[in-house]
Amino acid sequence: MKKHSVGRRLQRRYAALGRSYSCLLVQNPSFTKSAAVMTGSEISHVLKEGELEKRSDNLLQFWKRKTCVLTTDSLNIYTDNQKKNKSKELKLQSIKKVDCVERTGKFVYFTIVTTDNKEIDFRCPGEENCWNAVITMALIDFQNRKAIQDFKTRQESENTSLGQQERCKARAP
């Protein structure tokens, strides 16, 4: 099967779900088993799930394999495969950027920089299984949604204040 046709089928399937990402990766087949453990909002908005390795913060800095679930609002990192013990939740609003993407040997390394300038190092095996592009696209989508929401809020408040000014002018003799 051609790689091009698979990408188009995934793109159509993803568009049917209401998503608009240019970099699409196949969801983990274990999704149906793990869905029972997750909450309703996480199930409907899962963008990617699978394994990712995170560098520990301690002195020795070992790479530890974690089960991760990327949703439209956060990157959830679990200590176990059953997703019962959530060790960390990185909200997309607290992520500044995905940085330092480097491909060496069998791994792709990348760093997530948070808004408080904390750096969290990750690696994933191979390019076809990598998370950096999906996290970046989810971050861009989140920032776009936030900008649109801020614009609408600002526009509504301006319309409300203009309406009050017009009423005040109408009352004046």
C-alpha atoms as a PDB file:
ATOM      1  CA  MET A   1       0.000   0.000   0.000  1.00  0.00           C
ATOM      2  CA  LYS A   2       1.283   3.458  -0.836  1.00  0.00           C
ATOM      3  CA  LYS A   3       2.298   5.713   2.029  1.00  0.00           C
ATOM      4  CA  HIS A   4       0.553   8.613   0.300  1.00  0.00           C
ATOM      5  CA  SER A   5      -2.877   6.933   0.219  1.00  0.00           C
ATOM      6  CA  VAL A   6      -2.657   5.899   3.880  1.00  0.00           C
ATOM      7  CA  GLY A   7      -1.923   9.517   4.811  1.00  0.00           C
ATOM      8  CA  ARG A   8      -4.935  10.756   2.861  1.00  0.00           C
ATOM      9  CA  ARG A   9      -7.216   8.177   4.460  1.00  0.00           C
ATOM     10  CA  LEU A  10      -5.978   9.179   7.913  1.00  0.00           C
ATOM     11  CA  GLN A  11      -6.416  12.835   7.042  1.00  0.00           C
ATOM     12  CA  ARG A  12     -10.040  12.249   5.970  1.00  0.00           C
ATOM     13  CA  ARG A  13     -10.753  10.150   9.047  1.00  0.00           C
ATOM     14  CA  TYR A  14      -9.195  12.796  11.305  1.00  0.00           C
ATOM     15  CA  ALA A  15     -11.113  15.585   9.555  1.00  0.00           C
ATOM     16  CA  ALA A  16     -14.350  13.663  10.183  1.00  0.00           C
ATOM     17  CA  LEU A  17     -13.565  13.870  13.902  1.00  0.00           C
ATOM     18  CA  GLY A  18     -13.277  17.647  13.620  1.00  0.00           C
ATOM     19  CA  ARG A  19      -9.500  17.856  13.884  1.00  0.00           C
ATOM     20  CA  SER A  20      -7.184  19.712  11.512  1.00  0.00           C
ATOM     21  CA  TYR A  21      -3.625  18.504  11.902  1.00  0.00           C
ATOM     22  CA  SER A  22      -1.181  18.212   9.049  1.00  0.00           C
ATOM     23  CA  CYS A  23       0.947  15.647  10.881  1.00  0.00           C
ATOM     24  CA  LEU A  24      -1.178  12.596  11.625  1.00  0.00           C
ATOM     25  CA  LEU A  25      -0.009   9.441  13.329  1.00  0.00           C
ATOM     26  CA  VAL A  26      -1.912   6.208  13.852  1.00  0.00           C
ATOM     27  CA  GLN A  27      -3.447   5.858  17.296  1.00  0.00           C
ATOM     28  CA  ASN A  28      -2.251   3.071  19.555  1.00  0.00           C
ATOM     29  CA  PRO A  29      -4.416  -0.068  19.123  1.00  0.00           C
ATOM     30  CA  SER A  30      -4.569  -0.488  22.913  1.00  0.00           C
ATOM     31  CA  PHE A  31      -6.789   2.624  23.073  1.00  0.00           C
ATOM     32  CA  THR A  32     -10.022   0.650  23.355  1.00  0.00           C
ATOM     33  CA  LYS A  33      -8.715  -1.317  26.343  1.00  0.00           C
ATOM     34  CA  SER A  34      -7.472   1.756  28.204  1.00  0.00           C
ATOM     35  CA  ALA A  35     -10.502   3.928  27.436  1.00  0.00           C
ATOM     36  CA  ALA A  36     -12.455   2.427  30.316  1.00  0.00           C
ATOM     37  CA  VAL A  37      -9.917   3.823  32.802  1.00  0.00           C
ATOM     38  CA  MET A  38      -9.968   7.378  31.432  1.00  0.00           C
ATOM     39  CA  THR A  39     -12.553  10.079  32.020  1.00  0.00           C
ATOM     40  CA  GLY A  40     -15.124  11.043  29.398  1.00  0.00           C
ATOM     41  CA  SER A  41     -13.377  14.267  28.368  1.00  0.00           C
ATOM     42  CA  GLU A  42     -10.049  12.490  27.872  1.00  0.00           C
ATOM     43  CA  ILE A  43     -11.604   9.753  25.698  1.00  0.00           C
ATOM     44  CA  SER A  44     -13.211  12.107  23.205  1.00  0.00           C
ATOM     45  CA  HIS A  45     -10.146  14.311  22.826  1.00  0.00           C
ATOM     46  CA  VAL A  46      -7.229  11.857  22.724  1.00  0.00           C
ATOM     47  CA  LEU A  47      -4.780  12.829  19.980  1.00  0.00           C
ATOM     48  CA  LYS A  48      -2.072  10.239  20.627  1.00  0.00           C
ATOM     49  CA  GLU A  49      -1.146   7.678  23.230  1.00  0.00           C
ATOM     50  CA  GLY A  50       1.731   5.299  23.684  1.00  0.00           C
ATOM     51  CA  GLU A  51       5.161   5.039  25.223  1.00  0.00           C
ATOM     52  CA  LEU A  52       7.675   7.815  25.552  1.00  0.00           C
ATOM     53  CA  GLU A  53      10.911   7.984  27.536  1.00  0.00           C
ATOM     54  CA  LYS A  54      11.456  10.855  29.974  1.00  0.00           C
ATOM     55  CA  ARG A  55      14.783  11.820  31.476  1.00  0.00           C
ATOM     56  CA  SER A  56      14.580  11.842  35.261  1.00  0.00           C
ATOM     57  CA  ASP A  57      15.254  15.045  37.190  1.00  0.00           C
ATOM     58  CA  ASN A  58      17.569  13.453  39.741  1.00  0.00           C
ATOM     59  CA  LEU A  59      21.370  13.532  39.719  1.00  0.00           C
ATOM     60  CA  LEU A  60      21.896  10.381  37.600  1.00  0.00           C
ATOM     61  CA  GLN A  61      19.314  11.380  34.964  1.00  0.00           C
ATOM     62  CA  PHE A  62      18.198   7.927  33.801  1.00  0.00           C
ATOM     63  CA  TRP A  63      15.752   7.518  30.919  1.00  0.00           C
ATOM     64  CA  LYS A  64      12.467   6.075  32.225  1.00  0.00           C
ATOM     65  CA  ARG A  65       9.767   4.635  29.987  1.00  0.00           C
ATOM     66  CA  LYS A  66       6.382   6.268  30.579  1.00  0.00           C
ATOM     67  CA  THR A  67       2.933   5.712  29.155  1.00  0.00           C
ATOM     68  CA  CYS A  68       1.673   9.027  27.789  1.00  0.00           C
ATOM     69  CA  VAL A  69      -1.656  10.338  26.540  1.00  0.00           C
ATOM     70  CA  LEU A  70      -1.831  13.586  24.585  1.00  0.00           C
ATOM     71  CA  THR A  71      -5.226  15.278  24.655  1.00  0.00           C
ATOM     72  CA  THR A  72      -6.333  18.607  23.213  1.00  0.00           C
ATOM     73  CA  ASP A  73      -5.591  20.254  26.585  1.00  0.00           C
ATOM     74  CA  SER A  74      -2.664  18.369  28.157  1.00  0.00           C
ATOM     75  CA  LEU A  75       0.058  15.750  28.010  1.00  0.00           C
ATOM     76  CA  ASN A  76      -0.655  13.156  30.709  1.00  0.00           C
ATOM     77  CA  ILE A  77       2.294  11.060  31.849  1.00  0.00           C
ATOM     78  CA  TYR A  78       1.617   7.806  33.695  1.00  0.00           C
ATOM     79  CA  THR A  79       4.011   5.623  35.671  1.00  0.00           C
ATOM     80  CA  ASP A  80       2.295   2.383  34.649  1.00  0.00           C
ATOM     81  CA  ASN A  81       0.837   0.869  31.466  1.00  0.00           C
ATOM     82  CA  GLN A  82      -2.695   0.652  32.907  1.00  0.00           C
ATOM     83  CA  LYS A  83      -2.852   4.465  33.313  1.00  0.00           C
ATOM     84  CA  LYS A  84      -3.929   4.206  36.956  1.00  0.00           C
ATOM     85  CA  ASN A  85      -1.136   6.308  38.490  1.00  0.00           C
ATOM     86  CA  LYS A  86      -0.774   9.687  36.790  1.00  0.00           C
ATOM     87  CA  SER A  87       2.647  11.033  37.703  1.00  0.00           C
ATOM     88  CA  LYS A  88       2.454  14.315  35.801  1.00  0.00           C
ATOM     89  CA  GLU A  89       0.028  16.382  33.786  1.00  0.00           C
ATOM     90  CA  LEU A  90       1.518  19.035  31.532  1.00  0.00           C
ATOM     91  CA  LYS A  91      -1.247  21.448  30.556  1.00  0.00           C
ATOM     92  CA  LEU A  92      -0.748  22.890  27.080  1.00  0.00           C
ATOM     93  CA  GLN A  93      -1.241  26.369  28.534  1.00  0.00           C
ATOM     94  CA  SER A  94       1.911  25.803  30.608  1.00  0.00           C
ATOM     95  CA  ILE A  95       4.027  24.705  27.611  1.00  0.00           C
ATOM     96  CA  LYS A  96       5.963  27.447  25.858  1.00  0.00           C
ATOM     97  CA  LYS A  97       7.478  25.361  23.037  1.00  0.00           C
ATOM     98  CA  VAL A  98       8.870  22.041  21.871  1.00  0.00           C
ATOM     99  CA  ASP A  99      12.580  22.576  21.331  1.00  0.00           C
ATOM    100  CA  CYS A 100      15.898  20.883  20.529  1.00  0.00           C
ATOM    101  CA  VAL A 101      14.663  18.166  18.188  1.00  0.00           C
ATOM    102  CA  GLU A 102      17.595  15.889  17.399  1.00  0.00           C
ATOM    103  CA  ARG A 103      17.710  12.550  15.601  1.00  0.00           C
ATOM    104  CA  THR A 104      20.547  10.275  16.609  1.00  0.00           C
ATOM    105  CA  GLY A 105      20.734   6.553  15.991  1.00  0.00           C
ATOM    106  CA  LYS A 106      17.441   4.933  16.846  1.00  0.00           C
ATOM    107  CA  PHE A 107      16.006   7.780  18.950  1.00  0.00           C
ATOM    108  CA  VAL A 108      14.520  11.217  18.380  1.00  0.00           C
ATOM    109  CA  TYR A 109      15.247  13.556  21.302  1.00  0.00           C
ATOM    110  CA  PHE A 110      13.211  16.659  22.117  1.00  0.00           C
ATOM    111  CA  THR A 111      12.702  19.085  24.987  1.00  0.00           C
ATOM    112  CA  ILE A 112       9.471  20.620  26.224  1.00  0.00           C
ATOM    113  CA  VAL A 113      10.023  24.114  27.636  1.00  0.00           C
ATOM    114  CA  THR A 114       7.377  25.275  30.108  1.00  0.00           C
ATOM    115  CA  THR A 115       6.243  28.861  30.713  1.00  0.00           C
ATOM    116  CA  ASP A 116       8.413  28.991  33.859  1.00  0.00           C
ATOM    117  CA  ASN A 117      11.431  27.981  31.677  1.00  0.00           C
ATOM    118  CA  LYS A 118      11.687  24.467  33.078  1.00  0.00           C
ATOM    119  CA  GLU A 119      13.022  21.982  30.502  1.00  0.00           C
ATOM    120  CA  ILE A 120      11.746  18.401  30.358  1.00  0.00           C
ATOM    121  CA  ASP A 121      13.683  16.016  28.112  1.00  0.00           C
ATOM    122  CA  PHE A 122      11.992  13.218  26.173  1.00  0.00           C
ATOM    123  CA  ARG A 123      13.009  10.669  23.591  1.00  0.00           C
ATOM    124  CA  CYS A 124      11.071   8.313  21.382  1.00  0.00           C
ATOM    125  CA  PRO A 125      12.201   5.414  19.202  1.00  0.00           C
ATOM    126  CA  GLY A 126      12.238   6.126  15.467  1.00  0.00           C
ATOM    127  CA  GLU A 127      10.680   8.893  13.431  1.00  0.00           C
ATOM    128  CA  GLU A 128       7.406   7.107  12.636  1.00  0.00           C
ATOM    129  CA  ASN A 129       6.609   6.753  16.335  1.00  0.00           C
ATOM    130  CA  CYS A 130       7.703  10.200  17.463  1.00  0.00           C
ATOM    131  CA  TRP A 131       5.673  12.616  19.485  1.00  0.00           C
ATOM    132  CA  ASN A 132       7.380  15.958  18.893  1.00  0.00           C
ATOM    133  CA  ALA A 133       5.359  16.893  15.778  1.00  0.00           C
ATOM    134  CA  VAL A 134       2.039  15.828  17.326  1.00  0.00           C
ATOM    135  CA  ILE A 135       2.736  17.769  20.542  1.00  0.00           C
ATOM    136  CA  THR A 136       3.777  20.821  18.504  1.00  0.00           C
ATOM    137  CA  MET A 137       0.602  20.682  16.393  1.00  0.00           C
ATOM    138  CA  ALA A 138      -1.563  20.233  19.509  1.00  0.00           C
ATOM    139  CA  LEU A 139       0.190  23.240  21.086  1.00  0.00           C
ATOM    140  CA  ILE A 140      -0.428  25.368  17.968  1.00  0.00           C
ATOM    141  CA  ASP A 141      -4.069  24.278  17.874  1.00  0.00           C
ATOM    142  CA  PHE A 142      -4.464  25.129  21.576  1.00  0.00           C
ATOM    143  CA  GLN A 143      -2.865  28.569  21.105  1.00  0.00           C
ATOM    144  CA  ASN A 144      -5.104  29.267  18.097  1.00  0.00           C
ATOM    145  CA  ARG A 145      -8.236  28.290  20.030  1.00  0.00           C
ATOM    146  CA  LYS A 146      -7.137  30.516  22.927  1.00  0.00           C
ATOM    147  CA  ALA A 147      -6.440  33.471  20.603  1.00  0.00           C
ATOM    148  CA  ILE A 148      -9.867  33.116  18.968  1.00  0.00           C
ATOM    149  CA  GLN A 149     -11.539  32.891  22.363  1.00  0.00           C
ATOM    150  CA  ASP A 150      -9.662  35.993  23.603  1.00  0.00           C
ATOM    151  CA  PHE A 151     -10.621  37.887  20.439  1.00  0.00           C
ATOM    152  CA  LYS A 152     -14.298  36.980  20.803  1.00  0.00           C
ATOM    153  CA  THR A 153     -14.273  37.956  24.477  1.00  0.00           C
ATOM    154  CA  ARG A 154     -12.626  41.288  23.668  1.00  0.00           C
ATOM    155  CA  GLN A 155     -15.083  41.891  20.823  1.00  0.00           C
ATOM    156  CA  GLU A 156     -18.084  41.124  23.044  1.00  0.00           C
ATOM    157  CA  SER A 157     -16.856  43.472  25.779  1.00  0.00           C
ATOM    158  CA  GLU A 158     -16.311  46.249  23.212  1.00  0.00           C
ATOM    159  CA  ASN A 159     -19.800  45.721  21.795  1.00  0.00           C
ATOM    160  CA  THR A 160     -21.250  45.813  25.310  1.00  0.00           C
ATOM    161  CA  SER A 161     -19.441  49.045  26.180  1.00  0.00           C
ATOM    162  CA  LEU A 162     -20.491  50.639  22.846  1.00  0.00           C
ATOM    163  CA  GLY A 163     -24.084  49.670  23.557  1.00  0.00           C
ATOM    164  CA  GLN A 164     -23.929  51.319  26.985  1.00  0.00           C
ATOM    165  CA  GLN A 165     -22.469  54.510  25.483  1.00  0.00           C
ATOM    166  CA  GLU A 166     -25.264  54.664  22.900  1.00  0.00           C
ATOM    167  CA  ARG A 167     -27.888  54.240  25.622  1.00  0.00           C
ATOM    168  CA  CYS A 168     -26.307  57.047  27.633  1.00  0.00           C
ATOM    169  CA  LYS A 169     -26.351  59.322  24.554  1.00  0.00           C
ATOM    170  CA  ALA A 170     -29.995  58.454  23.881  1.00  0.00           C
ATOM    171  CA  ARG A 171     -30.952  59.485  27.448  1.00  0.00           C
ATOM    172  CA  ALA A 172     -29.142  62.819  27.237  1.00  0.00           C
ATOM    173  CA  PRO A 173     -31.424  65.786  26.363  1.00  0.00           C
END
